[in-house]
């Protein structure tokens, strides 16, 4: 087995329901265009507030995947 290199990108997922669903939306979207996802790490969470009410939950997520290239 040879050496491997992994690339890390940062995404922001949003949800009107929860931080968990916000993180899930980021990972599911990444999985549509990236292969061999390995780890997702939530690095930050925040809320969008409008008129004193929570409008959206947001998660900043770092996603790693196997880097393929020459």
PDB file of N, CA and C in Angstrom:
ATOM      1  N   UNK A   1       0.838  -1.168   0.000  1.00  0.00           N
ATOM      2  CA  UNK A   1       0.000   0.000   0.000  1.00  0.00           C
ATOM      3  C   UNK A   1       0.886   1.234   0.000  1.00  0.00           C
ATOM      4  N   UNK A   2       0.576   2.185  -0.873  1.00  0.00           N
ATOM      5  CA  UNK A   2       1.375   3.392  -0.977  1.00  0.00           C
ATOM      6  C   UNK A   2       0.918   4.481  -0.022  1.00  0.00           C
ATOM      7  N   UNK A   3       1.656   5.577  -0.074  1.00  0.00           N
ATOM      8  CA  UNK A   3       1.299   6.724   0.752  1.00  0.00           C
ATOM      9  C   UNK A   3       0.058   7.400   0.196  1.00  0.00           C
ATOM     10  N   UNK A   4      -0.679   8.059   1.056  1.00  0.00           N
ATOM     11  CA  UNK A   4      -1.885   8.767   0.653  1.00  0.00           C
ATOM     12  C   UNK A   4      -1.809  10.214   1.102  1.00  0.00           C
ATOM     13  N   UNK A   5      -2.464  11.060   0.347  1.00  0.00           N
ATOM     14  CA  UNK A   5      -2.572  12.472   0.690  1.00  0.00           C
ATOM     15  C   UNK A   5      -4.048  12.816   0.702  1.00  0.00           C
ATOM     16  N   UNK A   6      -4.463  13.589   1.693  1.00  0.00           N
ATOM     17  CA  UNK A   6      -5.856  13.998   1.804  1.00  0.00           C
ATOM     18  C   UNK A   6      -5.952  15.512   1.711  1.00  0.00           C
ATOM     19  N   UNK A   7      -6.950  15.962   1.014  1.00  0.00           N
ATOM     20  CA  UNK A   7      -7.201  17.393   0.865  1.00  0.00           C
ATOM     21  C   UNK A   7      -8.335  17.767   1.811  1.00  0.00           C
ATOM     22  N   UNK A   8      -8.288  18.977   2.351  1.00  0.00           N
ATOM     23  CA  UNK A   8      -9.323  19.455   3.261  1.00  0.00           C
ATOM     24  C   UNK A   8      -9.937  20.722   2.678  1.00  0.00           C
ATOM     25  N   UNK A   9     -11.278  20.737   2.643  1.00  0.00           N
ATOM     26  CA  UNK A   9     -11.982  21.940   2.226  1.00  0.00           C
ATOM     27  C   UNK A   9     -12.928  22.364   3.343  1.00  0.00           C
ATOM     28  N   UNK A  10     -13.317  23.610   3.314  1.00  0.00           N
ATOM     29  CA  UNK A  10     -14.218  24.125   4.329  1.00  0.00           C
ATOM     30  C   UNK A  10     -15.535  24.521   3.680  1.00  0.00           C
ATOM     31  N   UNK A  11     -16.628  24.087   4.279  1.00  0.00           N
ATOM     32  CA  UNK A  11     -17.965  24.358   3.763  1.00  0.00           C
ATOM     33  C   UNK A  11     -18.829  24.932   4.870  1.00  0.00           C
ATOM     34  N   UNK A  12     -19.904  25.616   4.493  1.00  0.00           N
ATOM     35  CA  UNK A  12     -20.892  26.071   5.460  1.00  0.00           C
ATOM     36  C   UNK A  12     -22.240  25.484   5.059  1.00  0.00           C
ATOM     37  N   UNK A  13     -22.816  24.699   5.956  1.00  0.00           N
ATOM     38  CA  UNK A  13     -24.146  24.135   5.737  1.00  0.00           C
ATOM     39  C   UNK A  13     -25.166  24.922   6.543  1.00  0.00           C
ATOM     40  N   UNK A  14     -26.376  25.028   6.028  1.00  0.00           N
ATOM     41  CA  UNK A  14     -27.433  25.745   6.740  1.00  0.00           C
ATOM     42  C   UNK A  14     -28.681  24.878   6.846  1.00  0.00           C
ATOM     43  N   UNK A  15     -29.460  25.154   7.876  1.00  0.00           N
ATOM     44  CA  UNK A  15     -30.725  24.464   8.090  1.00  0.00           C
ATOM     45  C   UNK A  15     -31.653  25.380   8.881  1.00  0.00           C
ATOM     46  N   UNK A  16     -32.926  25.274   8.644  1.00  0.00           N
ATOM     47  CA  UNK A  16     -33.893  26.018   9.447  1.00  0.00           C
ATOM     48  C   UNK A  16     -34.274  25.250  10.704  1.00  0.00           C
ATOM     49  N   UNK A  17     -33.762  24.006  10.848  1.00  0.00           N
ATOM     50  CA  UNK A  17     -34.179  23.146  11.958  1.00  0.00           C
ATOM     51  C   UNK A  17     -33.131  22.921  13.048  1.00  0.00           C
ATOM     52  N   UNK A  18     -31.865  22.645  12.667  1.00  0.00           N
ATOM     53  CA  UNK A  18     -30.870  22.312  13.692  1.00  0.00           C
ATOM     54  C   UNK A  18     -29.454  22.396  13.132  1.00  0.00           C
ATOM     55  N   UNK A  19     -28.480  22.448  14.087  1.00  0.00           N
ATOM     56  CA  UNK A  19     -27.077  22.415  13.674  1.00  0.00           C
ATOM     57  C   UNK A  19     -26.734  21.054  13.075  1.00  0.00           C
ATOM     58  N   UNK A  20     -27.302  19.997  13.611  1.00  0.00           N
ATOM     59  CA  UNK A  20     -27.038  18.665  13.063  1.00  0.00           C
ATOM     60  C   UNK A  20     -27.444  18.598  11.589  1.00  0.00           C
ATOM     61  N   UNK A  21     -28.606  19.122  11.269  1.00  0.00           N
ATOM     62  CA  UNK A  21     -29.064  19.101   9.877  1.00  0.00           C
ATOM     63  C   UNK A  21     -28.236  20.040   9.010  1.00  0.00           C
ATOM     64  N   UNK A  22     -27.733  21.124   9.590  1.00  0.00           N
ATOM     65  CA  UNK A  22     -26.855  22.029   8.847  1.00  0.00           C
ATOM     66  C   UNK A  22     -25.549  21.320   8.480  1.00  0.00           C
ATOM     67  N   UNK A  23     -24.974  20.599   9.444  1.00  0.00           N
ATOM     68  CA  UNK A  23     -23.742  19.846   9.177  1.00  0.00           C
ATOM     69  C   UNK A  23     -24.002  18.759   8.148  1.00  0.00           C
ATOM     70  N   UNK A  24     -25.127  18.065   8.296  1.00  0.00           N
ATOM     71  CA  UNK A  24     -25.468  17.000   7.361  1.00  0.00           C
ATOM     72  C   UNK A  24     -25.612  17.547   5.936  1.00  0.00           C
ATOM     73  N   UNK A  25     -26.215  18.709   5.796  1.00  0.00           N
ATOM     74  CA  UNK A  25     -26.406  19.260   4.446  1.00  0.00           C
ATOM     75  C   UNK A  25     -25.069  19.581   3.788  1.00  0.00           C
ATOM     76  N   UNK A  26     -24.098  20.057   4.575  1.00  0.00           N
ATOM     77  CA  UNK A  26     -22.768  20.334   4.019  1.00  0.00           C
ATOM     78  C   UNK A  26     -22.097  19.050   3.545  1.00  0.00           C
ATOM     79  N   UNK A  27     -22.162  18.002   4.358  1.00  0.00           N
ATOM     80  CA  UNK A  27     -21.519  16.724   4.009  1.00  0.00           C
ATOM     81  C   UNK A  27     -22.226  16.077   2.816  1.00  0.00           C
ATOM     82  N   UNK A  28     -23.547  16.088   2.821  1.00  0.00           N
ATOM     83  CA  UNK A  28     -24.279  15.472   1.711  1.00  0.00           C
ATOM     84  C   UNK A  28     -24.010  16.201   0.398  1.00  0.00           C
ATOM     85  N   UNK A  29     -23.893  17.525   0.456  1.00  0.00           N
ATOM     86  CA  UNK A  29     -23.594  18.277  -0.766  1.00  0.00           C
ATOM     87  C   UNK A  29     -22.182  17.964  -1.252  1.00  0.00           C
ATOM     88  N   UNK A  30     -21.230  17.886  -0.334  1.00  0.00           N
ATOM     89  CA  UNK A  30     -19.848  17.557  -0.706  1.00  0.00           C
ATOM     90  C   UNK A  30     -19.786  16.174  -1.341  1.00  0.00           C
ATOM     91  N   UNK A  31     -20.562  15.230  -0.831  1.00  0.00           N
ATOM     92  CA  UNK A  31     -20.542  13.859  -1.340  1.00  0.00           C
ATOM     93  C   UNK A  31     -21.042  13.764  -2.781  1.00  0.00           C
ATOM     94  N   UNK A  32     -21.793  14.760  -3.234  1.00  0.00           N
ATOM     95  CA  UNK A  32     -22.281  14.750  -4.618  1.00  0.00           C
ATOM     96  C   UNK A  32     -21.182  15.043  -5.627  1.00  0.00           C
ATOM     97  N   UNK A  33     -20.131  15.754  -5.204  1.00  0.00           N
ATOM     98  CA  UNK A  33     -19.092  16.123  -6.169  1.00  0.00           C
ATOM     99  C   UNK A  33     -17.694  15.628  -5.796  1.00  0.00           C
ATOM    100  N   UNK A  34     -17.530  15.087  -4.591  1.00  0.00           N
ATOM    101  CA  UNK A  34     -16.221  14.604  -4.163  1.00  0.00           C
ATOM    102  C   UNK A  34     -16.299  13.123  -3.849  1.00  0.00           C
ATOM    103  N   UNK A  35     -15.226  12.400  -4.199  1.00  0.00           N
ATOM    104  CA  UNK A  35     -15.189  10.969  -3.922  1.00  0.00           C
ATOM    105  C   UNK A  35     -14.322  10.692  -2.709  1.00  0.00           C
ATOM    106  N   UNK A  36     -14.600   9.598  -2.058  1.00  0.00           N
ATOM    107  CA  UNK A  36     -13.763   9.083  -0.978  1.00  0.00           C
ATOM    108  C   UNK A  36     -13.655  10.060   0.200  1.00  0.00           C
ATOM    109  N   UNK A  37     -14.811  10.596   0.633  1.00  0.00           N
ATOM    110  CA  UNK A  37     -14.812  11.450   1.824  1.00  0.00           C
ATOM    111  C   UNK A  37     -14.391  10.617   3.022  1.00  0.00           C
ATOM    112  N   UNK A  38     -13.616  11.202   3.920  1.00  0.00           N
ATOM    113  CA  UNK A  38     -13.095  10.452   5.058  1.00  0.00           C
ATOM    114  C   UNK A  38     -13.555  11.002   6.395  1.00  0.00           C
ATOM    115  N   UNK A  39     -13.388  12.293   6.623  1.00  0.00           N
ATOM    116  CA  UNK A  39     -13.688  12.883   7.925  1.00  0.00           C
ATOM    117  C   UNK A  39     -14.343  14.238   7.718  1.00  0.00           C
ATOM    118  N   UNK A  40     -15.333  14.534   8.562  1.00  0.00           N
ATOM    119  CA  UNK A  40     -15.922  15.877   8.586  1.00  0.00           C
ATOM    120  C   UNK A  40     -15.827  16.373  10.021  1.00  0.00           C
ATOM    121  N   UNK A  41     -15.353  17.588  10.185  1.00  0.00           N
ATOM    122  CA  UNK A  41     -15.193  18.174  11.510  1.00  0.00           C
ATOM    123  C   UNK A  41     -15.947  19.494  11.566  1.00  0.00           C
ATOM    124  N   UNK A  42     -16.887  19.610  12.496  1.00  0.00           N
ATOM    125  CA  UNK A  42     -17.588  20.876  12.689  1.00  0.00           C
ATOM    126  C   UNK A  42     -16.638  21.797  13.448  1.00  0.00           C
ATOM    127  N   UNK A  43     -16.308  22.932  12.841  1.00  0.00           N
ATOM    128  CA  UNK A  43     -15.346  23.844  13.452  1.00  0.00           C
ATOM    129  C   UNK A  43     -16.002  25.082  14.043  1.00  0.00           C
ATOM    130  N   UNK A  44     -17.230  25.357  13.620  1.00  0.00           N
ATOM    131  CA  UNK A  44     -17.901  26.555  14.115  1.00  0.00           C
ATOM    132  C   UNK A  44     -19.408  26.411  13.928  1.00  0.00           C
ATOM    133  N   UNK A  45     -20.157  26.962  14.842  1.00  0.00           N
ATOM    134  CA  UNK A  45     -21.614  26.975  14.722  1.00  0.00           C
ATOM    135  C   UNK A  45     -22.095  28.401  15.003  1.00  0.00           C
ATOM    136  N   UNK A  46     -23.100  28.854  14.237  1.00  0.00           N
ATOM    137  CA  UNK A  46     -23.709  30.128  14.545  1.00  0.00           C
ATOM    138  C   UNK A  46     -25.168  30.116  14.116  1.00  0.00           C
ATOM    139  N   UNK A  47     -25.852  31.196  14.438  1.00  0.00           N
ATOM    140  CA  UNK A  47     -27.273  31.326  14.144  1.00  0.00           C
ATOM    141  C   UNK A  47     -27.515  32.592  13.340  1.00  0.00           C
ATOM    142  N   UNK A  48     -28.462  32.537  12.443  1.00  0.00           N
ATOM    143  CA  UNK A  48     -28.949  33.734  11.768  1.00  0.00           C
ATOM    144  C   UNK A  48     -30.242  34.117  12.489  1.00  0.00           C
ATOM    145  N   UNK A  49     -30.278  35.345  12.992  1.00  0.00           N
ATOM    146  CA  UNK A  49     -31.435  35.803  13.760  1.00  0.00           C
ATOM    147  C   UNK A  49     -32.119  36.936  13.011  1.00  0.00           C
ATOM    148  N   UNK A  50     -33.436  36.868  12.932  1.00  0.00           N
ATOM    149  CA  UNK A  50     -34.222  37.898  12.266  1.00  0.00           C
ATOM    150  C   UNK A  50     -35.408  38.237  13.165  1.00  0.00           C
ATOM    151  N   UNK A  51     -35.548  39.504  13.525  1.00  0.00           N
ATOM    152  CA  UNK A  51     -36.633  39.953  14.411  1.00  0.00           C
ATOM    153  C   UNK A  51     -36.694  39.146  15.710  1.00  0.00           C
ATOM    154  N   UNK A  52     -35.521  38.839  16.270  1.00  0.00           N
ATOM    155  CA  UNK A  52     -35.460  38.130  17.538  1.00  0.00           C
ATOM    156  C   UNK A  52     -35.727  36.637  17.468  1.00  0.00           C
ATOM    157  N   UNK A  53     -35.882  36.117  16.277  1.00  0.00           N
ATOM    158  CA  UNK A  53     -36.135  34.679  16.107  1.00  0.00           C
ATOM    159  C   UNK A  53     -35.025  34.035  15.291  1.00  0.00           C
ATOM    160  N   UNK A  54     -34.785  32.773  15.602  1.00  0.00           N
ATOM    161  CA  UNK A  54     -33.770  32.026  14.846  1.00  0.00           C
ATOM    162  C   UNK A  54     -34.324  31.737  13.455  1.00  0.00           C
ATOM    163  N   UNK A  55     -33.591  32.207  12.468  1.00  0.00           N
ATOM    164  CA  UNK A  55     -33.991  31.989  11.070  1.00  0.00           C
ATOM    165  C   UNK A  55     -33.249  30.803  10.462  1.00  0.00           C
ATOM    166  N   UNK A  56     -31.992  30.600  10.885  1.00  0.00           N
ATOM    167  CA  UNK A  56     -31.204  29.496  10.326  1.00  0.00           C
ATOM    168  C   UNK A  56     -30.077  29.118  11.276  1.00  0.00           C
ATOM    169  N   UNK A  57     -29.753  27.835  11.278  1.00  0.00           N
ATOM    170  CA  UNK A  57     -28.592  27.291  11.975  1.00  0.00           C
ATOM    171  C   UNK A  57     -27.502  27.096  10.925  1.00  0.00           C
ATOM    172  N   UNK A  58     -26.277  27.479  11.279  1.00  0.00           N
ATOM    173  CA  UNK A  58     -25.178  27.311  10.326  1.00  0.00           C
ATOM    174  C   UNK A  58     -24.023  26.577  10.986  1.00  0.00           C
ATOM    175  N   UNK A  59     -23.418  25.659  10.237  1.00  0.00           N
ATOM    176  CA  UNK A  59     -22.229  24.929  10.686  1.00  0.00           C
ATOM    177  C   UNK A  59     -21.126  25.099   9.660  1.00  0.00           C
ATOM    178  N   UNK A  60     -19.969  25.498  10.148  1.00  0.00           N
ATOM    179  CA  UNK A  60     -18.778  25.496   9.299  1.00  0.00           C
ATOM    180  C   UNK A  60     -18.132  24.135   9.482  1.00  0.00           C
ATOM    181  N   UNK A  61     -17.902  23.430   8.379  1.00  0.00           N
ATOM    182  CA  UNK A  61     -17.443  22.044   8.421  1.00  0.00           C
ATOM    183  C   UNK A  61     -16.197  21.880   7.554  1.00  0.00           C
ATOM    184  N   UNK A  62     -15.167  21.272   8.118  1.00  0.00           N
ATOM    185  CA  UNK A  62     -13.991  20.888   7.335  1.00  0.00           C
ATOM    186  C   UNK A  62     -14.184  19.445   6.906  1.00  0.00           C
ATOM    187  N   UNK A  63     -14.066  19.188   5.615  1.00  0.00           N
ATOM    188  CA  UNK A  63     -14.265  17.855   5.056  1.00  0.00           C
ATOM    189  C   UNK A  63     -12.960  17.415   4.406  1.00  0.00           C
ATOM    190  N   UNK A  64     -12.521  16.194   4.709  1.00  0.00           N
ATOM    191  CA  UNK A  64     -11.296  15.681   4.073  1.00  0.00           C
ATOM    192  C   UNK A  64     -11.658  14.549   3.124  1.00  0.00           C
ATOM    193  N   UNK A  65     -10.902  14.493   2.050  1.00  0.00           N
ATOM    194  CA  UNK A  65     -11.087  13.444   1.053  1.00  0.00           C
ATOM    195  C   UNK A  65      -9.750  13.105   0.437  1.00  0.00           C
ATOM    196  N   UNK A  66      -9.659  11.908  -0.118  1.00  0.00           N
ATOM    197  CA  UNK A  66      -8.407  11.440  -0.711  1.00  0.00           C
ATOM    198  C   UNK A  66      -8.081  12.282  -1.934  1.00  0.00           C
ATOM    199  N   UNK A  67      -6.868  12.820  -1.948  1.00  0.00           N
ATOM    200  CA  UNK A  67      -6.412  13.671  -3.051  1.00  0.00           C
ATOM    201  C   UNK A  67      -5.873  12.799  -4.169  1.00  0.00           C
ATOM    202  N   UNK A  68      -6.479  12.947  -5.331  1.00  0.00           N
ATOM    203  CA  UNK A  68      -6.030  12.187  -6.496  1.00  0.00           C
ATOM    204  C   UNK A  68      -5.526  13.158  -7.549  1.00  0.00           C
ATOM    205  N   UNK A  69      -4.350  12.947  -7.978  1.00  0.00           N
ATOM    206  CA  UNK A  69      -3.753  13.812  -8.996  1.00  0.00           C
ATOM    207  C   UNK A  69      -2.303  13.443  -9.167  1.00  0.00           C
ATOM    208  N   UNK A  70      -1.708  14.046 -10.172  1.00  0.00           N
ATOM    209  CA  UNK A  70      -0.308  13.708 -10.418  1.00  0.00           C
ATOM    210  C   UNK A  70       0.616  14.698  -9.786  1.00  0.00           C
TER     211      UNK A  70
END
